[in-house]
Amino acid sequence: MIVKCTAESGGQRVAPAYGLTYVLPPEFRLTRGREYEVYGFALFEKGPAVLVRNDDRYPEWYATSVVEVLGSAVPDGWRAGRGAGYELVLTYPELAASETAMAELVELRQDALRTFARQVQSRTSALSVAATPPFATLVDLAGHFHQDYDVVADTVLGVVDDYAAGRPEAVRAVLAELDALFAAGMDEVVAHRIWLVEGWASYDPARDGLTCLEWLGQVRDHLSA
């Protein structure tokens, strides 16, 4: 299912309809004329809405009044559910089956984002979730970029150096994982999932004009030097 944004601002979001608080401020994070994959449809108390991956790459519900449906085919495997604040939801099974999962997705909790990121990969990446090489050590590196990572070193690559110091086995493991991921065809969707969702890194390469894929390529080159 594909929709195109037809508005530049406004649009009923779930925060007031669902009675939950957003981690991010209530801004309009869609671009007029841009097309978006739909990951769910719901009937909230204030009206129908679609779940999309917004321009900040987060899941977000938007009223159907701000989009135009371009492709209405329902993805295979979607399930129906209901809960407090919504009469119906039609979406991927983990979200349809649980009011808790619905609330945690709106609140941008990590477990819910992990499940959503796998859905994004399965729908928009040529590299399937099942075929993605393991990346546990890379997630460990991402965790080194905690909320105070900027006091660890003067540069982001300096933070990588701090992680690598005295840990040759970890460096070899990170490089092995990156080599396997790039060889498998890792794209931006997968790189974003690994670094910012699974790794929960506080450093978003976008702030330096980089994609997650470009950043991981820099990490590989830096550690290989």
C-alpha atoms as a PDB file:
ATOM      1  CA  MET A   1       0.000   0.000   0.000  1.00  0.00           C
ATOM      2  CA  ILE A   2       1.399   3.380  -1.080  1.00  0.00           C
ATOM      3  CA  VAL A   3       0.184   6.901  -0.280  1.00  0.00           C
ATOM      4  CA  LYS A   4       1.289  10.350  -1.430  1.00  0.00           C
ATOM      5  CA  CYS A   5       1.309  13.307   0.946  1.00  0.00           C
ATOM      6  CA  THR A   6      -1.055  16.052  -0.246  1.00  0.00           C
ATOM      7  CA  ALA A   7      -0.550  18.568   2.570  1.00  0.00           C
ATOM      8  CA  GLU A   8       2.285  20.744   3.872  1.00  0.00           C
ATOM      9  CA  SER A   9       1.151  21.116   7.470  1.00  0.00           C
ATOM     10  CA  GLY A  10      -1.613  20.202   9.865  1.00  0.00           C
ATOM     11  CA  GLY A  11      -2.957  16.725   9.762  1.00  0.00           C
ATOM     12  CA  GLN A  12      -4.430  14.928  12.688  1.00  0.00           C
ATOM     13  CA  ARG A  13      -1.842  12.848  14.480  1.00  0.00           C
ATOM     14  CA  VAL A  14      -2.303  10.129  17.045  1.00  0.00           C
ATOM     15  CA  ALA A  15      -1.005  12.114  20.031  1.00  0.00           C
ATOM     16  CA  PRO A  16      -4.286  14.012  20.637  1.00  0.00           C
ATOM     17  CA  ALA A  17      -6.486  11.185  19.350  1.00  0.00           C
ATOM     18  CA  TYR A  18      -4.808   8.390  21.268  1.00  0.00           C
ATOM     19  CA  GLY A  19      -4.054  10.253  24.476  1.00  0.00           C
ATOM     20  CA  LEU A  20      -0.330   9.514  24.484  1.00  0.00           C
ATOM     21  CA  THR A  21       2.732  11.771  24.653  1.00  0.00           C
ATOM     22  CA  TYR A  22       5.263  11.861  21.858  1.00  0.00           C
ATOM     23  CA  VAL A  23       8.975  11.811  22.557  1.00  0.00           C
ATOM     24  CA  LEU A  24       9.383  14.216  19.629  1.00  0.00           C
ATOM     25  CA  PRO A  25       7.454  17.513  19.364  1.00  0.00           C
ATOM     26  CA  PRO A  26       4.226  17.459  17.328  1.00  0.00           C
ATOM     27  CA  GLU A  27       5.532  18.686  13.976  1.00  0.00           C
ATOM     28  CA  PHE A  28       4.464  17.755  10.454  1.00  0.00           C
ATOM     29  CA  ARG A  29       7.136  15.371   9.192  1.00  0.00           C
ATOM     30  CA  LEU A  30       5.889  14.513   5.718  1.00  0.00           C
ATOM     31  CA  THR A  31       6.787  16.171   2.410  1.00  0.00           C
ATOM     32  CA  ARG A  32       4.047  17.224   0.040  1.00  0.00           C
ATOM     33  CA  GLY A  33       4.181  15.170  -3.158  1.00  0.00           C
ATOM     34  CA  ARG A  34       6.362  12.447  -1.650  1.00  0.00           C
ATOM     35  CA  GLU A  35       5.234   8.823  -1.673  1.00  0.00           C
ATOM     36  CA  TYR A  36       5.276   6.659   1.467  1.00  0.00           C
ATOM     37  CA  GLU A  37       4.901   2.976   2.193  1.00  0.00           C
ATOM     38  CA  VAL A  38       1.965   2.253   4.504  1.00  0.00           C
ATOM     39  CA  TYR A  39       2.590  -0.081   7.442  1.00  0.00           C
ATOM     40  CA  GLY A  40      -0.866   0.008   8.966  1.00  0.00           C
ATOM     41  CA  PHE A  41      -4.375   1.441   8.833  1.00  0.00           C
ATOM     42  CA  ALA A  42      -6.396   2.296  11.931  1.00  0.00           C
ATOM     43  CA  LEU A  43      -9.729   3.788  12.935  1.00  0.00           C
ATOM     44  CA  PHE A  44      -8.987   6.024  15.904  1.00  0.00           C
ATOM     45  CA  GLU A  45     -11.606   7.858  17.926  1.00  0.00           C
ATOM     46  CA  LYS A  46     -10.964  11.003  15.853  1.00  0.00           C
ATOM     47  CA  GLY A  47     -10.892   9.270  12.504  1.00  0.00           C
ATOM     48  CA  PRO A  48      -8.923   7.000  10.147  1.00  0.00           C
ATOM     49  CA  ALA A  49      -5.139   7.141   9.906  1.00  0.00           C
ATOM     50  CA  VAL A  50      -2.266   5.416   8.131  1.00  0.00           C
ATOM     51  CA  LEU A  51       1.059   4.375   9.629  1.00  0.00           C
ATOM     52  CA  VAL A  52       4.058   5.576   7.606  1.00  0.00           C
ATOM     53  CA  ARG A  53       7.796   6.060   8.058  1.00  0.00           C
ATOM     54  CA  ASN A  54       8.094   9.824   8.235  1.00  0.00           C
ATOM     55  CA  ASP A  55      10.903  12.025   6.898  1.00  0.00           C
ATOM     56  CA  ASP A  56      12.809  11.583  10.177  1.00  0.00           C
ATOM     57  CA  ARG A  57      12.603   7.801   9.596  1.00  0.00           C
ATOM     58  CA  TYR A  58      10.278   7.198  12.534  1.00  0.00           C
ATOM     59  CA  PRO A  59       6.909   5.414  12.462  1.00  0.00           C
ATOM     60  CA  GLU A  60       4.020   7.823  12.736  1.00  0.00           C
ATOM     61  CA  TRP A  61       0.277   7.773  12.251  1.00  0.00           C
ATOM     62  CA  TYR A  62      -1.219  10.453   9.998  1.00  0.00           C
ATOM     63  CA  ALA A  63      -4.846  11.160   9.152  1.00  0.00           C
ATOM     64  CA  THR A  64      -5.977   9.883   5.782  1.00  0.00           C
ATOM     65  CA  SER A  65      -7.050  13.473   4.985  1.00  0.00           C
ATOM     66  CA  VAL A  66      -3.403  14.470   4.351  1.00  0.00           C
ATOM     67  CA  VAL A  67      -2.601  11.656   1.912  1.00  0.00           C
ATOM     68  CA  GLU A  68      -3.789  10.249  -1.388  1.00  0.00           C
ATOM     69  CA  VAL A  69      -3.879   6.482  -1.785  1.00  0.00           C
ATOM     70  CA  LEU A  70      -1.897   5.388  -4.842  1.00  0.00           C
ATOM     71  CA  GLY A  71      -1.798   1.638  -4.290  1.00  0.00           C
ATOM     72  CA  SER A  72      -4.434  -0.014  -2.154  1.00  0.00           C
ATOM     73  CA  ALA A  73      -3.239  -3.637  -2.132  1.00  0.00           C
ATOM     74  CA  VAL A  74      -2.991  -4.913   1.438  1.00  0.00           C
ATOM     75  CA  PRO A  75       0.376  -6.571   2.152  1.00  0.00           C
ATOM     76  CA  ASP A  76       0.408 -10.293   2.770  1.00  0.00           C
ATOM     77  CA  GLY A  77       0.363 -11.254   6.424  1.00  0.00           C
ATOM     78  CA  TRP A  78      -1.440  -8.234   7.821  1.00  0.00           C
ATOM     79  CA  ARG A  79      -3.846  -8.901  10.693  1.00  0.00           C
ATOM     80  CA  ALA A  80      -6.772  -7.028  12.237  1.00  0.00           C
ATOM     81  CA  GLY A  81      -7.022  -5.956  15.856  1.00  0.00           C
ATOM     82  CA  ARG A  82      -8.615  -3.430  18.192  1.00  0.00           C
ATOM     83  CA  GLY A  83      -7.866  -1.763  21.489  1.00  0.00           C
ATOM     84  CA  ALA A  84      -8.396   1.235  23.741  1.00  0.00           C
ATOM     85  CA  GLY A  85      -8.539   4.374  21.616  1.00  0.00           C
ATOM     86  CA  TYR A  86      -8.911   2.611  18.280  1.00  0.00           C
ATOM     87  CA  GLU A  87     -11.824   0.606  16.913  1.00  0.00           C
ATOM     88  CA  LEU A  88      -9.779  -1.229  14.295  1.00  0.00           C
ATOM     89  CA  VAL A  89      -6.190  -1.635  13.244  1.00  0.00           C
ATOM     90  CA  LEU A  90      -5.038  -3.523  10.158  1.00  0.00           C
ATOM     91  CA  THR A  91      -1.288  -3.979  10.197  1.00  0.00           C
ATOM     92  CA  TYR A  92       1.602  -6.407  10.728  1.00  0.00           C
ATOM     93  CA  PRO A  93       0.849  -9.166  13.262  1.00  0.00           C
ATOM     94  CA  GLU A  94       2.969  -7.955  16.203  1.00  0.00           C
ATOM     95  CA  LEU A  95       1.249  -4.573  16.176  1.00  0.00           C
ATOM     96  CA  ALA A  96      -2.259  -5.843  15.497  1.00  0.00           C
ATOM     97  CA  ALA A  97      -2.139  -8.319  18.372  1.00  0.00           C
ATOM     98  CA  SER A  98      -1.118  -5.993  21.196  1.00  0.00           C
ATOM     99  CA  GLU A  99      -2.396  -2.749  22.696  1.00  0.00           C
ATOM    100  CA  THR A 100       0.955  -2.496  24.451  1.00  0.00           C
ATOM    101  CA  ALA A 101       2.819  -2.718  21.158  1.00  0.00           C
ATOM    102  CA  MET A 102       0.571  -0.021  19.723  1.00  0.00           C
ATOM    103  CA  ALA A 103       1.272   2.303  22.638  1.00  0.00           C
ATOM    104  CA  GLU A 104       5.007   1.614  22.562  1.00  0.00           C
ATOM    105  CA  LEU A 105       5.182   2.355  18.841  1.00  0.00           C
ATOM    106  CA  VAL A 106       3.510   5.737  19.352  1.00  0.00           C
ATOM    107  CA  GLU A 107       5.917   6.435  22.220  1.00  0.00           C
ATOM    108  CA  LEU A 108       8.883   5.375  20.052  1.00  0.00           C
ATOM    109  CA  ARG A 109      10.086   2.667  22.434  1.00  0.00           C
ATOM    110  CA  GLN A 110      13.058   0.638  21.223  1.00  0.00           C
ATOM    111  CA  ASP A 111      11.402  -2.782  21.163  1.00  0.00           C
ATOM    112  CA  ALA A 112       8.551  -1.444  19.035  1.00  0.00           C
ATOM    113  CA  LEU A 113      10.985   0.370  16.746  1.00  0.00           C
ATOM    114  CA  ARG A 114      12.973  -2.831  16.269  1.00  0.00           C
ATOM    115  CA  THR A 115       9.887  -4.689  15.080  1.00  0.00           C
ATOM    116  CA  PHE A 116       8.922  -1.783  12.827  1.00  0.00           C
ATOM    117  CA  ALA A 117      12.448  -1.609  11.364  1.00  0.00           C
ATOM    118  CA  ARG A 118      12.245  -5.269  10.392  1.00  0.00           C
ATOM    119  CA  GLN A 119       8.979  -4.518   8.596  1.00  0.00           C
ATOM    120  CA  VAL A 120      10.626  -1.634   6.747  1.00  0.00           C
ATOM    121  CA  GLN A 121      13.495  -3.867   5.692  1.00  0.00           C
ATOM    122  CA  SER A 122      11.198  -6.647   4.531  1.00  0.00           C
ATOM    123  CA  ARG A 123       9.159  -4.191   2.445  1.00  0.00           C
ATOM    124  CA  THR A 124      11.779  -1.815   1.043  1.00  0.00           C
ATOM    125  CA  SER A 125      15.184  -3.539   1.031  1.00  0.00           C
ATOM    126  CA  ALA A 126      16.577  -6.101  -1.395  1.00  0.00           C
ATOM    127  CA  LEU A 127      18.348  -7.710   1.578  1.00  0.00           C
ATOM    128  CA  SER A 128      15.827  -9.769   3.501  1.00  0.00           C
ATOM    129  CA  VAL A 129      15.759  -9.876   7.283  1.00  0.00           C
ATOM    130  CA  ALA A 130      16.454 -13.611   7.219  1.00  0.00           C
ATOM    131  CA  ALA A 131      19.481 -13.159   4.967  1.00  0.00           C
ATOM    132  CA  THR A 132      21.037 -10.295   6.951  1.00  0.00           C
ATOM    133  CA  PRO A 133      24.434 -11.338   8.368  1.00  0.00           C
ATOM    134  CA  PRO A 134      24.848 -11.128  12.186  1.00  0.00           C
ATOM    135  CA  PHE A 135      25.935  -7.763  13.601  1.00  0.00           C
ATOM    136  CA  ALA A 136      26.165  -8.155  17.413  1.00  0.00           C
ATOM    137  CA  THR A 137      29.590  -6.533  17.743  1.00  0.00           C
ATOM    138  CA  LEU A 138      28.542  -3.643  15.533  1.00  0.00           C
ATOM    139  CA  VAL A 139      25.567  -3.067  17.845  1.00  0.00           C
ATOM    140  CA  ASP A 140      28.036  -3.087  20.747  1.00  0.00           C
ATOM    141  CA  LEU A 141      30.009  -0.333  19.000  1.00  0.00           C
ATOM    142  CA  ALA A 142      26.812   1.656  18.406  1.00  0.00           C
ATOM    143  CA  GLY A 143      26.052   1.395  22.123  1.00  0.00           C
ATOM    144  CA  HIS A 144      29.367   3.160  22.780  1.00  0.00           C
ATOM    145  CA  PHE A 145      27.743   6.212  21.204  1.00  0.00           C
ATOM    146  CA  HIS A 146      25.623   6.880  24.287  1.00  0.00           C
ATOM    147  CA  GLN A 147      23.985  10.218  25.047  1.00  0.00           C
ATOM    148  CA  ASP A 148      27.283  11.611  26.353  1.00  0.00           C
ATOM    149  CA  TYR A 149      29.456  10.263  23.536  1.00  0.00           C
ATOM    150  CA  ASP A 150      30.638  13.785  22.686  1.00  0.00           C
ATOM    151  CA  VAL A 151      32.638  13.960  25.917  1.00  0.00           C
ATOM    152  CA  VAL A 152      34.493  10.749  25.029  1.00  0.00           C
ATOM    153  CA  ALA A 153      36.378  12.289  22.101  1.00  0.00           C
ATOM    154  CA  ASP A 154      36.477  15.432  19.970  1.00  0.00           C
ATOM    155  CA  THR A 155      35.261  13.636  16.846  1.00  0.00           C
ATOM    156  CA  VAL A 156      32.924  10.749  16.108  1.00  0.00           C
ATOM    157  CA  LEU A 157      35.793   8.713  14.667  1.00  0.00           C
ATOM    158  CA  GLY A 158      37.624   9.487  17.894  1.00  0.00           C
ATOM    159  CA  VAL A 159      34.786   7.735  19.714  1.00  0.00           C
ATOM    160  CA  VAL A 160      35.388   4.744  17.447  1.00  0.00           C
ATOM    161  CA  ASP A 161      39.081   4.877  18.405  1.00  0.00           C
ATOM    162  CA  ASP A 162      38.147   4.955  22.083  1.00  0.00           C
ATOM    163  CA  TYR A 163      36.008   1.835  21.597  1.00  0.00           C
ATOM    164  CA  ALA A 164      38.814   0.092  19.707  1.00  0.00           C
ATOM    165  CA  ALA A 165      41.610   0.917  22.152  1.00  0.00           C
ATOM    166  CA  GLY A 166      43.006  -2.310  23.627  1.00  0.00           C
ATOM    167  CA  ARG A 167      40.278  -4.416  21.980  1.00  0.00           C
ATOM    168  CA  PRO A 168      41.807  -5.990  18.867  1.00  0.00           C
ATOM    169  CA  GLU A 169      39.348  -8.896  18.890  1.00  0.00           C
ATOM    170  CA  ALA A 170      36.402  -6.502  18.934  1.00  0.00           C
ATOM    171  CA  VAL A 171      37.894  -4.533  16.052  1.00  0.00           C
ATOM    172  CA  ARG A 172      38.336  -7.705  14.004  1.00  0.00           C
ATOM    173  CA  ALA A 173      34.760  -8.714  14.792  1.00  0.00           C
ATOM    174  CA  VAL A 174      33.361  -5.309  13.762  1.00  0.00           C
ATOM    175  CA  LEU A 175      35.310  -5.423  10.497  1.00  0.00           C
ATOM    176  CA  ALA A 176      34.194  -8.986   9.803  1.00  0.00           C
ATOM    177  CA  GLU A 177      30.565  -8.028  10.374  1.00  0.00           C
ATOM    178  CA  LEU A 178      30.822  -4.925   8.188  1.00  0.00           C
ATOM    179  CA  ASP A 179      32.537  -6.876   5.402  1.00  0.00           C
ATOM    180  CA  ALA A 180      29.793  -9.511   5.511  1.00  0.00           C
ATOM    181  CA  LEU A 181      27.021  -6.908   5.520  1.00  0.00           C
ATOM    182  CA  PHE A 182      28.442  -4.957   2.597  1.00  0.00           C
ATOM    183  CA  ALA A 183      29.060  -8.184   0.683  1.00  0.00           C
ATOM    184  CA  ALA A 184      25.451  -9.228   1.287  1.00  0.00           C
ATOM    185  CA  GLY A 185      24.178  -5.980  -0.215  1.00  0.00           C
ATOM    186  CA  MET A 186      23.501  -3.815   2.828  1.00  0.00           C
ATOM    187  CA  ASP A 187      21.630  -0.643   1.848  1.00  0.00           C
ATOM    188  CA  GLU A 188      20.556   2.455   3.769  1.00  0.00           C
ATOM    189  CA  VAL A 189      17.435   0.792   5.183  1.00  0.00           C
ATOM    190  CA  VAL A 190      19.497  -2.016   6.712  1.00  0.00           C
ATOM    191  CA  ALA A 191      22.279   0.312   7.874  1.00  0.00           C
ATOM    192  CA  HIS A 192      19.740   2.558   9.593  1.00  0.00           C
ATOM    193  CA  ARG A 193      18.144  -0.407  11.285  1.00  0.00           C
ATOM    194  CA  ILE A 194      21.493  -1.693  12.581  1.00  0.00           C
ATOM    195  CA  TRP A 195      23.001   1.591  13.765  1.00  0.00           C
ATOM    196  CA  LEU A 196      20.096   3.687  15.040  1.00  0.00           C
ATOM    197  CA  VAL A 197      17.430   1.107  15.871  1.00  0.00           C
ATOM    198  CA  GLU A 198      19.166  -2.084  16.971  1.00  0.00           C
ATOM    199  CA  GLY A 199      22.267  -0.247  18.201  1.00  0.00           C
ATOM    200  CA  TRP A 200      20.262   2.663  19.642  1.00  0.00           C
ATOM    201  CA  ALA A 201      23.213   4.986  18.934  1.00  0.00           C
ATOM    202  CA  SER A 202      22.775   8.604  19.980  1.00  0.00           C
ATOM    203  CA  TYR A 203      24.904   9.698  17.036  1.00  0.00           C
ATOM    204  CA  ASP A 204      22.841  10.098  13.880  1.00  0.00           C
ATOM    205  CA  PRO A 205      25.159  10.468  10.858  1.00  0.00           C
ATOM    206  CA  ALA A 206      22.532  12.693   9.218  1.00  0.00           C
ATOM    207  CA  ARG A 207      23.656  15.566  11.417  1.00  0.00           C
ATOM    208  CA  ASP A 208      26.962  15.478   9.513  1.00  0.00           C
ATOM    209  CA  GLY A 209      25.308  15.091   6.116  1.00  0.00           C
ATOM    210  CA  LEU A 210      25.949  11.344   5.958  1.00  0.00           C
ATOM    211  CA  THR A 211      23.684   8.380   5.488  1.00  0.00           C
ATOM    212  CA  CYS A 212      24.026   5.495   7.898  1.00  0.00           C
ATOM    213  CA  LEU A 213      25.446   3.447   5.031  1.00  0.00           C
ATOM    214  CA  GLU A 214      28.119   6.056   4.340  1.00  0.00           C
ATOM    215  CA  TRP A 215      28.943   6.279   8.036  1.00  0.00           C
ATOM    216  CA  LEU A 216      29.422   2.540   8.389  1.00  0.00           C
ATOM    217  CA  GLY A 217      31.647   2.638   5.331  1.00  0.00           C
ATOM    218  CA  GLN A 218      33.754   5.295   7.060  1.00  0.00           C
ATOM    219  CA  VAL A 219      33.951   3.171  10.187  1.00  0.00           C
ATOM    220  CA  ARG A 220      35.170   0.189   8.157  1.00  0.00           C
ATOM    221  CA  ASP A 221      37.782   2.296   6.342  1.00  0.00           C
ATOM    222  CA  HIS A 222      38.948   3.911   9.579  1.00  0.00           C
ATOM    223  CA  LEU A 223      39.348   0.659  11.464  1.00  0.00           C
ATOM    224  CA  SER A 224      41.048  -0.944   8.472  1.00  0.00           C
ATOM    225  CA  ALA A 225      43.666   1.789   8.150  1.00  0.00           C
END
